[in-house]
Protein backbone atom coordinates (compact mmCIF):
# COMPACT_ATOMS: atom_id res chain seq x y z
CA UNK A 1 20.49 6.55 18.62
CA UNK A 2 19.08 3.13 18.37
CA UNK A 3 21.57 0.51 19.62
CA UNK A 4 20.33 -2.48 17.81
CA UNK A 5 21.28 -6.23 18.49
CA UNK A 6 19.13 -8.24 15.88
CA UNK A 7 19.58 -11.83 17.11
CA UNK A 8 16.34 -12.83 15.41
CA UNK A 9 17.42 -11.69 11.85
CA UNK A 10 21.01 -12.77 12.50
CA UNK A 11 20.53 -16.22 13.79
CA UNK A 12 17.20 -17.48 12.52
CA UNK A 13 17.40 -17.12 8.78
CA UNK A 14 14.40 -18.91 7.05
CA UNK A 15 11.79 -17.53 9.72
CA UNK A 16 11.09 -14.26 8.24
CA UNK A 17 10.99 -12.24 5.12
CA UNK A 18 13.20 -9.29 4.80
CA UNK A 19 11.16 -6.01 3.64
CA UNK A 20 11.32 -2.21 3.90
CA UNK A 21 8.55 -0.08 5.09
CA UNK A 22 6.66 2.11 2.82
CA UNK A 23 7.62 5.54 2.57
CA UNK A 24 4.78 7.81 4.13
CA UNK A 25 4.26 11.26 2.48
CA UNK A 26 3.90 13.31 5.42
CA UNK A 27 4.75 11.69 8.79
CA UNK A 28 3.75 13.54 11.93
CA UNK A 29 4.25 12.65 15.48
CA UNK A 30 0.88 12.12 17.51
CA UNK A 31 2.13 10.32 20.57
CA UNK A 32 5.81 9.80 21.86
CA UNK A 33 5.87 7.59 25.00
CA UNK A 34 8.84 9.26 26.69
CA UNK A 35 8.96 7.12 29.77
CA UNK A 36 9.15 4.20 27.70
CA UNK A 37 11.77 5.85 25.54
CA UNK A 38 13.95 6.36 28.56
CA UNK A 39 13.41 2.67 29.71
CA UNK A 40 14.84 1.78 26.25
CA UNK A 41 18.08 3.83 27.03
CA UNK A 42 16.91 6.39 24.04
CA UNK A 43 18.19 10.10 24.39
CA UNK A 44 14.83 12.06 24.22
CA UNK A 45 16.79 15.19 23.20
CA UNK A 46 18.07 13.20 19.95
CA UNK A 47 14.83 11.29 19.46
CA UNK A 48 12.19 13.83 19.53
CA UNK A 49 13.39 15.79 16.21
CA UNK A 50 13.48 12.70 14.40
CA UNK A 51 10.99 10.59 15.98
CA UNK A 52 8.38 11.21 13.07
CA UNK A 53 10.82 10.16 10.57
CA UNK A 54 12.39 7.15 12.48
CA UNK A 55 9.11 5.62 13.67
CA UNK A 56 6.96 5.95 10.87
CA UNK A 57 9.09 4.15 8.31
CA UNK A 58 10.18 7.22 6.46
CA UNK A 59 13.70 6.70 7.51
CA UNK A 60 15.13 3.29 8.62
CA UNK A 61 17.32 3.73 11.65
CA UNK A 62 21.00 2.99 11.35
CA UNK A 63 21.69 -0.44 12.57
CA UNK A 64 17.97 -1.80 11.99
CA UNK A 65 17.45 -4.76 9.97
CA UNK A 66 13.51 -4.93 9.11
CA UNK A 67 12.01 -8.22 8.78
CA UNK A 68 8.41 -9.66 8.63
CA UNK A 69 8.09 -12.65 10.82
CA UNK A 70 6.58 -15.82 9.77
CA UNK A 71 3.70 -17.38 11.69
CA UNK A 72 0.40 -19.42 11.22
CA UNK A 73 -2.43 -19.33 13.54
CA UNK A 74 -5.86 -20.74 14.48
CA UNK A 75 -8.35 -17.95 14.11
CA UNK A 76 -11.75 -18.54 15.73
CA UNK A 77 -10.81 -22.23 15.68
CA UNK A 78 -9.71 -22.59 11.98
CA UNK A 79 -6.16 -22.85 10.93
CA UNK A 80 -4.69 -20.32 8.60
CA UNK A 81 -1.39 -21.90 7.69
CA UNK A 82 0.45 -18.64 6.47
CA UNK A 83 -0.52 -15.44 8.29
CA UNK A 84 2.95 -13.71 9.04
CA UNK A 85 3.50 -10.19 9.54
CA UNK A 86 1.17 -8.77 6.89
CA UNK A 87 1.39 -4.93 8.00
CA UNK A 88 4.16 -5.02 10.45
CA UNK A 89 7.96 -4.93 10.36
CA UNK A 90 10.33 -5.87 13.09
CA UNK A 91 12.99 -3.16 12.87
CA UNK A 92 15.16 -4.85 15.37
CA UNK A 93 16.01 -5.34 19.08
CA UNK A 94 17.21 -3.12 21.77
CA UNK A 95 18.77 -3.80 25.10
CA UNK A 96 16.93 -1.69 27.72
CA UNK A 97 18.35 0.01 30.69
CA UNK A 98 17.59 -3.00 32.82
CA UNK A 99 19.41 -5.32 30.43
CA UNK A 100 16.38 -6.82 28.86
CA UNK A 101 15.95 -7.58 25.14
CA UNK A 102 13.04 -5.63 23.63
CA UNK A 103 11.71 -5.74 20.11
CA UNK A 104 10.87 -2.50 18.28
CA UNK A 105 8.25 -3.25 15.42
CA UNK A 106 6.36 -0.88 13.09
CA UNK A 107 2.67 -1.76 12.70
CA UNK A 108 0.90 -0.39 9.63
CA UNK A 109 4.23 0.31 7.91
CA UNK A 110 2.94 -1.11 4.40
CA UNK A 111 2.79 -4.39 2.45
CA UNK A 112 5.10 -7.17 3.20
CA UNK A 113 5.55 -10.60 1.68
CA UNK A 114 2.82 -11.83 3.98
CA UNK A 115 0.18 -9.12 2.95
CA UNK A 116 -2.14 -11.64 1.08
CA UNK A 117 -3.59 -8.79 -0.79
CA UNK A 118 -4.05 -6.49 1.99
CA UNK A 119 -2.60 -2.92 2.08
CA UNK A 120 -0.47 -3.41 4.86
CA UNK A 121 -1.61 0.00 6.43
CA UNK A 122 -3.42 0.97 9.73
CA UNK A 123 -5.74 3.80 10.60
CA UNK A 124 -5.09 6.37 13.37
CA UNK A 125 -7.90 5.37 15.71
CA UNK A 126 -6.95 1.82 16.23
CA UNK A 127 -3.29 2.57 16.65
CA UNK A 128 -4.23 5.11 19.25
CA UNK A 129 -6.32 2.42 20.98
CA UNK A 130 -3.30 0.10 21.02
CA UNK A 131 -1.34 2.92 22.64
CA UNK A 132 -4.12 3.33 25.30
CA UNK A 133 -4.62 0.00 26.26
CA UNK A 134 -1.00 -0.84 26.37
CA UNK A 135 -0.15 1.89 28.94
CA UNK A 136 -3.48 1.15 30.92
CA UNK A 137 -2.38 -2.44 31.10
CA UNK A 138 1.38 -1.63 32.12
CA UNK A 139 0.03 0.65 34.76
CA UNK A 140 -2.08 -2.10 36.17
CA UNK A 141 1.04 -4.26 36.29
CA UNK A 142 -0.04 -6.62 33.79
CA UNK A 143 2.46 -8.01 31.09
CA UNK A 144 1.91 -6.14 27.90
CA UNK A 145 3.36 -4.88 24.76
CA UNK A 146 3.54 -1.15 24.63
CA UNK A 147 3.56 1.77 22.12
CA UNK A 148 6.79 3.77 21.82
CA UNK A 149 5.08 6.16 19.36
CA UNK A 150 1.97 6.75 16.96
CA UNK A 151 2.60 8.66 13.96
CA UNK A 152 0.17 9.70 11.40
CA UNK A 153 1.45 9.11 7.56
CA UNK A 154 0.02 12.03 5.61
CA UNK A 155 -2.23 9.81 3.78
CA UNK A 156 -5.83 8.33 4.17
CA UNK A 157 -6.32 4.59 4.24
CA UNK A 158 -9.09 2.52 2.65
CA UNK A 159 -11.34 1.90 5.59
CA UNK A 160 -14.81 3.27 6.33
CA UNK A 161 -14.66 6.92 5.75
CA UNK A 162 -11.16 7.02 4.73
CA UNK A 163 -9.57 7.87 7.89
CA UNK A 164 -6.07 9.11 8.54
CA UNK A 165 -3.44 6.57 8.00
CA UNK A 166 -1.05 5.81 11.20
CA UNK A 167 1.96 3.69 12.04
CA UNK A 168 2.34 2.23 15.52
CA UNK A 169 5.98 1.84 16.96
CA UNK A 170 5.43 -1.19 19.16
CA UNK A 171 7.69 -2.58 22.01
CA UNK A 172 7.44 -6.10 23.05
CA UNK A 173 9.55 -8.81 25.17
CA UNK A 174 9.51 -10.48 21.72
CA UNK A 175 6.91 -11.03 18.79
CA UNK A 176 7.38 -14.92 19.24
CA UNK A 177 3.76 -16.42 19.15
CA UNK A 178 2.07 -19.81 19.41
CA UNK A 179 1.34 -19.21 15.91
CA UNK A 180 5.10 -19.01 15.12
CA UNK A 181 5.58 -22.64 16.06
CA UNK A 182 2.38 -23.74 14.33
CA UNK A 183 3.85 -22.18 11.17
CA UNK A 184 7.01 -24.61 11.20
CA UNK A 185 4.75 -27.52 12.41
CA UNK A 186 2.45 -27.06 9.44
CA UNK A 187 5.28 -26.95 6.95
CA UNK A 188 7.11 -29.92 8.52
CA UNK A 189 10.39 -27.82 9.33
CA UNK A 190 11.54 -29.31 12.57
CA UNK A 191 15.22 -28.11 12.22
CA UNK A 192 13.92 -24.42 12.31
CA UNK A 193 11.35 -25.16 14.92
CA UNK A 194 14.04 -26.61 17.24
CA UNK A 195 16.15 -23.42 16.74
CA UNK A 196 13.27 -21.31 17.75
CA UNK A 197 12.70 -23.40 20.91
CA UNK A 198 16.23 -22.77 21.96
CA UNK A 199 15.94 -19.10 21.01
CA UNK A 200 12.71 -18.68 23.07
CA UNK A 201 14.17 -20.42 26.02
CA UNK A 202 17.40 -18.38 25.94
CA UNK A 203 15.36 -15.11 25.59
CA UNK A 204 12.40 -15.64 27.89
CA UNK A 205 13.17 -18.70 30.03
CA UNK A 206 16.70 -18.95 30.49
CA UNK A 207 16.60 -20.88 33.79
CA UNK A 208 14.09 -23.60 32.32
CA UNK A 209 15.18 -27.35 32.64
CA UNK A 210 16.88 -28.14 29.14
CA UNK A 211 16.36 -32.09 29.48
CA UNK A 212 13.48 -31.89 27.07
CA UNK A 213 13.72 -28.29 25.74
CA UNK A 214 10.37 -28.33 23.81
CA UNK A 215 8.44 -29.77 27.00
CA UNK A 216 10.09 -27.08 29.20
CA UNK A 217 8.90 -24.38 26.67
CA UNK A 218 5.50 -25.59 26.64
CA UNK A 219 5.41 -25.63 30.48
CA UNK A 220 6.82 -22.21 30.76
CA UNK A 221 4.29 -20.73 28.14
CA UNK A 222 1.25 -22.57 30.00
CA UNK A 223 2.45 -21.06 33.24
CA UNK A 224 2.94 -17.48 31.79
CA UNK A 225 -0.33 -17.42 29.88
CA UNK A 226 -2.34 -18.81 32.77
CA UNK A 227 -1.18 -16.00 34.95
CA UNK A 228 -1.75 -13.54 32.33
CA UNK A 229 -5.41 -14.64 31.80
CA UNK A 230 -5.95 -14.63 35.41
CA UNK A 231 -4.81 -10.88 35.50
CA UNK A 232 -7.02 -10.08 32.51
CA UNK A 233 -10.07 -11.62 34.48
CA UNK A 234 -9.21 -9.69 37.67
CA UNK A 235 -9.77 -6.24 35.82
CA UNK A 236 -12.45 -7.33 33.56
CA UNK A 237 -10.32 -7.10 30.37
CA UNK A 238 -11.96 -8.79 27.23
CA UNK A 239 -9.06 -9.37 24.67
CA UNK A 240 -11.85 -10.05 21.65
CA UNK A 241 -9.54 -11.94 19.28
CA UNK A 242 -7.66 -14.79 21.24
CA UNK A 243 -6.51 -16.54 18.09
CA UNK A 244 -3.06 -18.56 18.42
CA UNK A 245 -1.16 -15.91 16.50
CA UNK A 246 -2.03 -13.53 19.31
CA UNK A 247 -0.82 -15.66 22.09
CA UNK A 248 2.78 -14.45 22.90
CA UNK A 249 5.53 -17.05 24.02
CA UNK A 250 6.62 -14.33 26.71
CA UNK A 251 3.21 -14.04 28.33
CA UNK A 252 2.78 -10.54 27.18
CA UNK A 253 -0.53 -9.11 26.05
CA UNK A 254 -0.56 -8.47 22.37
CA UNK A 255 -2.66 -7.11 19.52
CA UNK A 256 -5.17 -4.80 20.97
CA UNK A 257 -7.73 -4.93 18.40
CA UNK A 258 -11.39 -5.46 19.34
CA UNK A 259 -10.53 -5.33 23.02
CA UNK A 260 -12.33 -3.57 25.89
CA UNK A 261 -12.91 -3.43 29.66
CA UNK A 262 -16.29 -4.58 31.06
CA UNK A 263 -18.49 -2.22 32.85
CA UNK A 264 -21.16 -4.42 34.13
CA UNK A 265 -19.85 -7.85 35.34
CA UNK A 266 -21.15 -10.51 32.92
CA UNK A 267 -19.34 -13.74 31.87
CA UNK A 268 -21.15 -13.53 28.41
CA UNK A 269 -19.40 -10.16 27.57
CA UNK A 270 -18.61 -9.78 23.94
CA UNK A 271 -17.48 -6.61 22.33
CA UNK A 272 -15.73 -7.80 19.03
CA UNK A 273 -18.01 -7.12 16.01
CA UNK A 274 -16.57 -10.40 14.40
CA UNK A 275 -17.20 -12.67 17.46
CA UNK A 276 -20.78 -13.83 16.55
CA UNK A 277 -20.82 -16.90 18.60
CA UNK A 278 -19.07 -15.41 21.74
CA UNK A 279 -16.12 -17.77 21.33
CA UNK A 280 -13.77 -14.99 23.04
CA UNK A 281 -16.28 -13.73 25.76
CA UNK A 282 -14.89 -12.64 29.11
CA UNK A 283 -15.99 -15.80 30.77
CA UNK A 284 -14.50 -17.96 28.08
CA UNK A 285 -10.97 -16.67 28.02
CA UNK A 286 -9.60 -19.18 30.53
CA UNK A 287 -10.85 -22.24 28.76
CA UNK A 288 -9.87 -20.63 25.25
CA UNK A 289 -6.17 -20.21 26.43
CA UNK A 290 -6.19 -23.96 27.32
CA UNK A 291 -7.22 -24.68 23.86
CA UNK A 292 -4.73 -22.22 22.34
CA UNK A 293 -2.04 -24.07 24.49
CA UNK A 294 -3.10 -27.28 23.02
CA UNK A 295 -2.33 -26.16 19.75
CA UNK A 296 1.16 -25.17 20.78
CA UNK A 297 1.69 -28.58 22.57
CA UNK A 298 0.69 -30.23 19.26
CA UNK A 299 3.04 -28.18 17.28
CA UNK A 300 6.02 -29.08 19.43
CA UNK A 301 5.08 -32.83 19.82
CA UNK A 302 7.96 -34.02 17.17
CA UNK A 303 10.56 -31.74 19.18
CA UNK A 304 9.51 -33.12 22.59
CA UNK A 305 10.26 -36.58 21.44
CA UNK A 306 10.58 -38.18 17.77
CA UNK A 307 8.52 -41.10 19.11
CA UNK A 308 4.79 -40.16 19.07
CA UNK A 309 4.12 -42.76 21.82
CA UNK A 310 6.43 -40.88 24.07
CA UNK A 311 5.83 -37.22 23.12
CA UNK A 312 1.92 -37.42 23.31
CA UNK A 313 1.69 -38.49 26.74
CA UNK A 314 4.29 -36.03 27.97
CA UNK A 315 2.61 -33.27 26.11
CA UNK A 316 -0.96 -34.21 27.44
CA UNK A 317 0.15 -34.37 31.02
CA UNK A 318 1.60 -31.05 30.86
CA UNK A 319 -1.55 -29.63 29.17
CA UNK A 320 -3.71 -31.43 31.73
CA UNK A 321 -2.11 -29.25 34.49
CA UNK A 322 -3.18 -26.04 32.70
CA UNK A 323 -6.61 -26.25 34.73
CA UNK A 324 -4.94 -26.38 37.99
CA UNK A 325 -2.36 -24.00 37.14
CA UNK A 326 -5.09 -21.42 36.11
CA UNK A 327 -7.24 -22.10 39.17
CA UNK A 328 -4.16 -21.55 41.40
CA UNK A 329 -3.54 -18.07 39.54
CA UNK A 330 -7.04 -16.99 39.47
CA UNK A 331 -7.69 -17.83 43.37
CA UNK A 332 -4.47 -15.71 44.18
CA UNK A 333 -5.68 -12.76 41.92
CA UNK A 334 -9.16 -12.78 43.66
CA UNK A 335 -7.38 -13.14 47.19
CA UNK A 336 -5.39 -10.05 46.32
CA UNK A 337 -8.41 -8.25 45.25
CA UNK A 338 -10.45 -9.32 48.34
CA UNK A 339 -7.55 -8.30 50.88
CA UNK A 340 -6.97 -11.81 51.96
CA UNK A 341 -3.50 -12.97 53.04
CA UNK A 342 -3.76 -16.06 55.00
CA UNK A 343 -5.46 -19.36 53.78
CA UNK A 344 -8.56 -20.67 55.43
CA UNK A 345 -10.53 -23.87 54.79
CA UNK A 346 -13.68 -22.06 53.80
CA UNK A 347 -11.84 -19.50 51.25
CA UNK A 348 -12.65 -21.49 48.06
CA UNK A 349 -16.24 -21.62 48.92
CA UNK A 350 -16.35 -18.05 49.64
CA UNK A 351 -14.69 -17.28 46.44
CA UNK A 352 -16.95 -19.24 44.53
CA UNK A 353 -20.03 -17.75 46.03
CA UNK A 354 -18.72 -14.37 45.15
CA UNK A 355 -18.23 -15.32 41.37
CA UNK A 356 -21.75 -16.60 41.26
CA UNK A 357 -23.17 -13.29 42.88
CA UNK A 358 -21.26 -11.22 40.60
CA UNK A 359 -22.60 -13.30 37.44
CA UNK A 360 -26.14 -13.25 38.93
CA UNK A 361 -26.27 -9.35 39.76
CA UNK A 362 -23.94 -7.73 37.21
CA UNK A 363 -22.45 -4.96 39.34
CA UNK A 364 -19.86 -2.66 37.67
CA UNK A 365 -17.04 -4.85 37.90
CA UNK A 366 -14.30 -2.13 38.62
CA UNK A 367 -16.50 -0.13 41.21
CA UNK A 368 -17.49 -3.37 42.95
CA UNK A 369 -13.94 -4.00 44.39
CA UNK A 370 -13.38 -0.48 45.32
CA UNK A 371 -16.72 -0.21 46.98
CA UNK A 372 -15.82 -3.32 48.81
CA UNK A 373 -12.81 -1.68 50.34
CA UNK A 374 -15.18 1.08 51.39
CA UNK A 375 -17.47 -1.59 52.91
CA UNK A 376 -14.38 -2.87 54.87
CA UNK A 377 -13.87 0.52 56.49
CA UNK A 378 -17.80 0.33 57.63
CA UNK A 379 -19.42 2.04 54.88
CA UNK A 380 -21.60 -0.35 52.83
CA UNK A 381 -23.67 2.54 50.83
CA UNK A 382 -21.50 2.53 47.56
CA UNK A 383 -21.65 -1.27 47.42
CA UNK A 384 -25.43 -1.62 47.91
CA UNK A 385 -26.01 1.10 45.27
CA UNK A 386 -24.52 -1.22 42.51
CA UNK A 387 -27.19 -3.89 42.56
CA UNK A 388 -30.99 -3.47 42.66
CA UNK A 389 -31.34 -6.27 45.06
CA UNK A 390 -28.37 -6.00 47.68
CA UNK A 391 -29.58 -8.59 50.13
CA UNK A 392 -27.55 -11.63 48.94
CA UNK A 393 -24.47 -9.38 48.48
CA UNK A 394 -24.72 -7.99 51.78
CA UNK A 395 -24.99 -11.29 53.40
CA UNK A 396 -21.95 -12.28 51.62
CA UNK A 397 -20.14 -9.12 52.61
CA UNK A 398 -20.68 -9.84 56.23
CA UNK A 399 -19.12 -13.27 55.84
CA UNK A 400 -16.07 -11.82 54.06
CA UNK A 401 -15.61 -9.11 56.55
CA UNK A 402 -15.33 -11.62 59.29
CA UNK A 403 -12.98 -13.52 57.10
CA UNK A 404 -10.62 -10.72 56.27
CA UNK A 405 -10.77 -9.66 60.07
CA UNK A 406 -8.46 -12.77 60.66
CA UNK A 407 -5.84 -11.18 58.44
CA UNK A 408 -5.66 -7.75 60.28
CA UNK A 409 -7.27 -4.58 60.90
CA UNK A 410 -10.05 -3.76 58.35
CA UNK A 411 -8.50 -0.53 57.55
CA UNK A 412 -5.16 -2.06 56.68
CA UNK A 413 -6.72 -4.74 54.44
CA UNK A 414 -8.95 -2.09 52.58
CA UNK A 415 -6.03 0.09 52.06
CA UNK A 416 -4.15 -3.10 50.49
CA UNK A 417 -7.16 -3.60 48.30
CA UNK A 418 -7.10 -0.07 47.06
CA UNK A 419 -3.45 -0.66 45.93
CA UNK A 420 -4.55 -3.44 43.64
CA UNK A 421 -8.11 -2.76 42.56
CA UNK A 422 -8.21 0.11 40.10
CA UNK A 423 -10.23 3.08 40.41
CA UNK A 424 -9.68 4.05 36.80
CA UNK A 425 -9.72 1.80 33.64
CA UNK A 426 -10.16 2.75 29.96
CA UNK A 427 -13.90 2.97 30.07
CA UNK A 428 -15.34 2.47 26.49
CA UNK A 429 -17.07 5.50 26.00
CA UNK A 430 -14.07 7.60 27.34
CA UNK A 431 -11.96 5.68 24.89
CA UNK A 432 -14.27 6.40 22.03
CA UNK A 433 -14.43 10.30 22.87
CA UNK A 434 -10.77 10.33 22.97
CA UNK A 435 -10.31 8.54 19.67
CA UNK A 436 -12.74 10.56 17.75
CA UNK A 437 -11.34 13.86 19.01
CA UNK A 438 -7.76 12.59 18.06
CA UNK A 439 -8.75 11.87 14.73
CA UNK A 440 -10.60 15.20 14.28
CA UNK A 441 -7.21 16.81 15.21
CA UNK A 442 -8.02 17.52 19.03
CA UNK A 443 -5.56 15.63 21.25
CA UNK A 444 -6.75 17.03 24.49
CA UNK A 445 -9.02 14.31 25.31
CA UNK A 446 -6.66 11.69 24.44
CA UNK A 447 -3.91 13.22 26.76
CA UNK A 448 -6.31 13.68 29.68
CA UNK A 449 -7.58 9.89 29.04
CA UNK A 450 -3.95 8.70 29.28
CA UNK A 451 -3.12 10.45 32.22
CA UNK A 452 -5.95 9.02 34.09
CA UNK A 453 -5.47 5.67 33.02
CA UNK A 454 -1.75 5.58 34.05
CA UNK A 455 -2.78 6.32 37.54
CA UNK A 456 -5.32 3.81 38.08
CA UNK A 457 -5.30 3.33 41.90
CA UNK A 458 -4.91 6.94 43.14
CA UNK A 459 -7.71 9.17 44.26
CA UNK A 460 -7.00 12.29 42.20
CA UNK A 461 -9.06 15.17 41.94
CA UNK A 462 -10.47 15.61 38.48
CA UNK A 463 -10.39 11.95 37.60
CA UNK A 464 -14.22 11.33 38.60
CA UNK A 465 -15.08 11.67 34.75
CA UNK A 466 -12.97 8.58 34.19
CA UNK A 467 -14.30 6.26 36.99
CA UNK A 468 -18.09 5.81 35.99
CA UNK A 469 -19.55 3.40 33.46
CA UNK A 470 -21.29 4.37 30.28
CA UNK A 471 -24.97 5.01 29.73
CA UNK A 472 -26.86 1.87 29.05
CA UNK A 473 -27.66 3.35 25.70
CA UNK A 474 -24.05 3.62 24.77
CA UNK A 475 -23.39 0.06 26.27
CA UNK A 476 -26.22 -1.54 24.34
CA UNK A 477 -24.83 -0.69 20.99
CA UNK A 478 -21.14 -0.65 21.66
CA UNK A 479 -18.82 -2.98 19.34
CA UNK A 480 -15.22 -2.85 18.86
CA UNK A 481 -13.29 -3.68 15.49
CA UNK A 482 -10.18 -5.03 14.27
CA UNK A 483 -9.30 -2.07 12.20
CA UNK A 484 -7.88 -4.05 9.27
């Protein structure tokens, strides 16, 4: 059923530890992502009856070679030299219907050699959160890991309240991280690090220049992550735990722990219960990614050139370009959201003024851009209703309408905006409602939420419940948690 081709386990000995998943006492399927299964070339008629067994760790699929990958990571700025997959196992790699290589990993499947005293398990609610967020991001067109399935294990886990245990079957372009390269840099293993550079380029950036492979990889990851963070910022997504072990080499979003989407636009927005200083606040994400990339560049220095006097200037020059690369990606994202096609000399000032207005007046981030499209059609009422003092916003909107008129009819530009600005996102109160109901045994709210967030741009009857922000009372006390 699973046609594995396990290049990581076969070709990169010494970069992982072999292990087997724990056997759950009573696995039961909660979510099966059938569209993703089809993408992976799986036969649904064969998969459905055995999904709970195969995707929980109860039965290791034929051809799988379970491994826990080694990696380090800077967590909130401090280096942890040995992290690794402490509660996850890579079953193997599948070639999907489009010819792309995809990892299939079990998360929450028990202890591994990297568990460091942890139980290696996961609770149901955080695994379902990861499923919701991954499918929402995929529907928004943002690179992301995705959940193929969530299964309960039939056991409780030692978390607050002893919730049901669960296993997430996660699909990714790969699970290579910045922390993967940090691990081998910390341990002085340039040989395996060089093998990983070649492997990463072959798998993710086969067309990259190979004159200096490590430098090329650094530049490719820089560009991919700059583009990714710009997309996060566009939809108001706050990752919450941007440690280097949560930054992929592929440019996919990974590890949806204490993440959430903003309601009111505020650069200082923090949801994570462990981010006491706001290091990973919404507005800090572009700069933090630059810092994370500096850690990748440092890890790759010996591979860029054995002479530090040569390697350091090359890496520094590549890193110095991150600001411009991100700024270009962010301008492109804002221009899409604002319906701008051509370029005009005054565009940068217009965009900067909008950013300042959003930060000062805190309109609902998602509703603002949909209301702006409505204003382009001639009705400014939904827009003015989003802020207590609409005067400055209306003045900016008039200048913006005159600007986008240069690119075509207002209705056409508004229609283009509605194709890229979501109407529906995973609103925090709706996510929490769905998770609480699912843990209690009612999957109805989860299924309705998943249906809504996977159709983010459409005007569908019945989705109104998913388009509005939470109450101020809910938002004031809302926090998200890692679930470990």
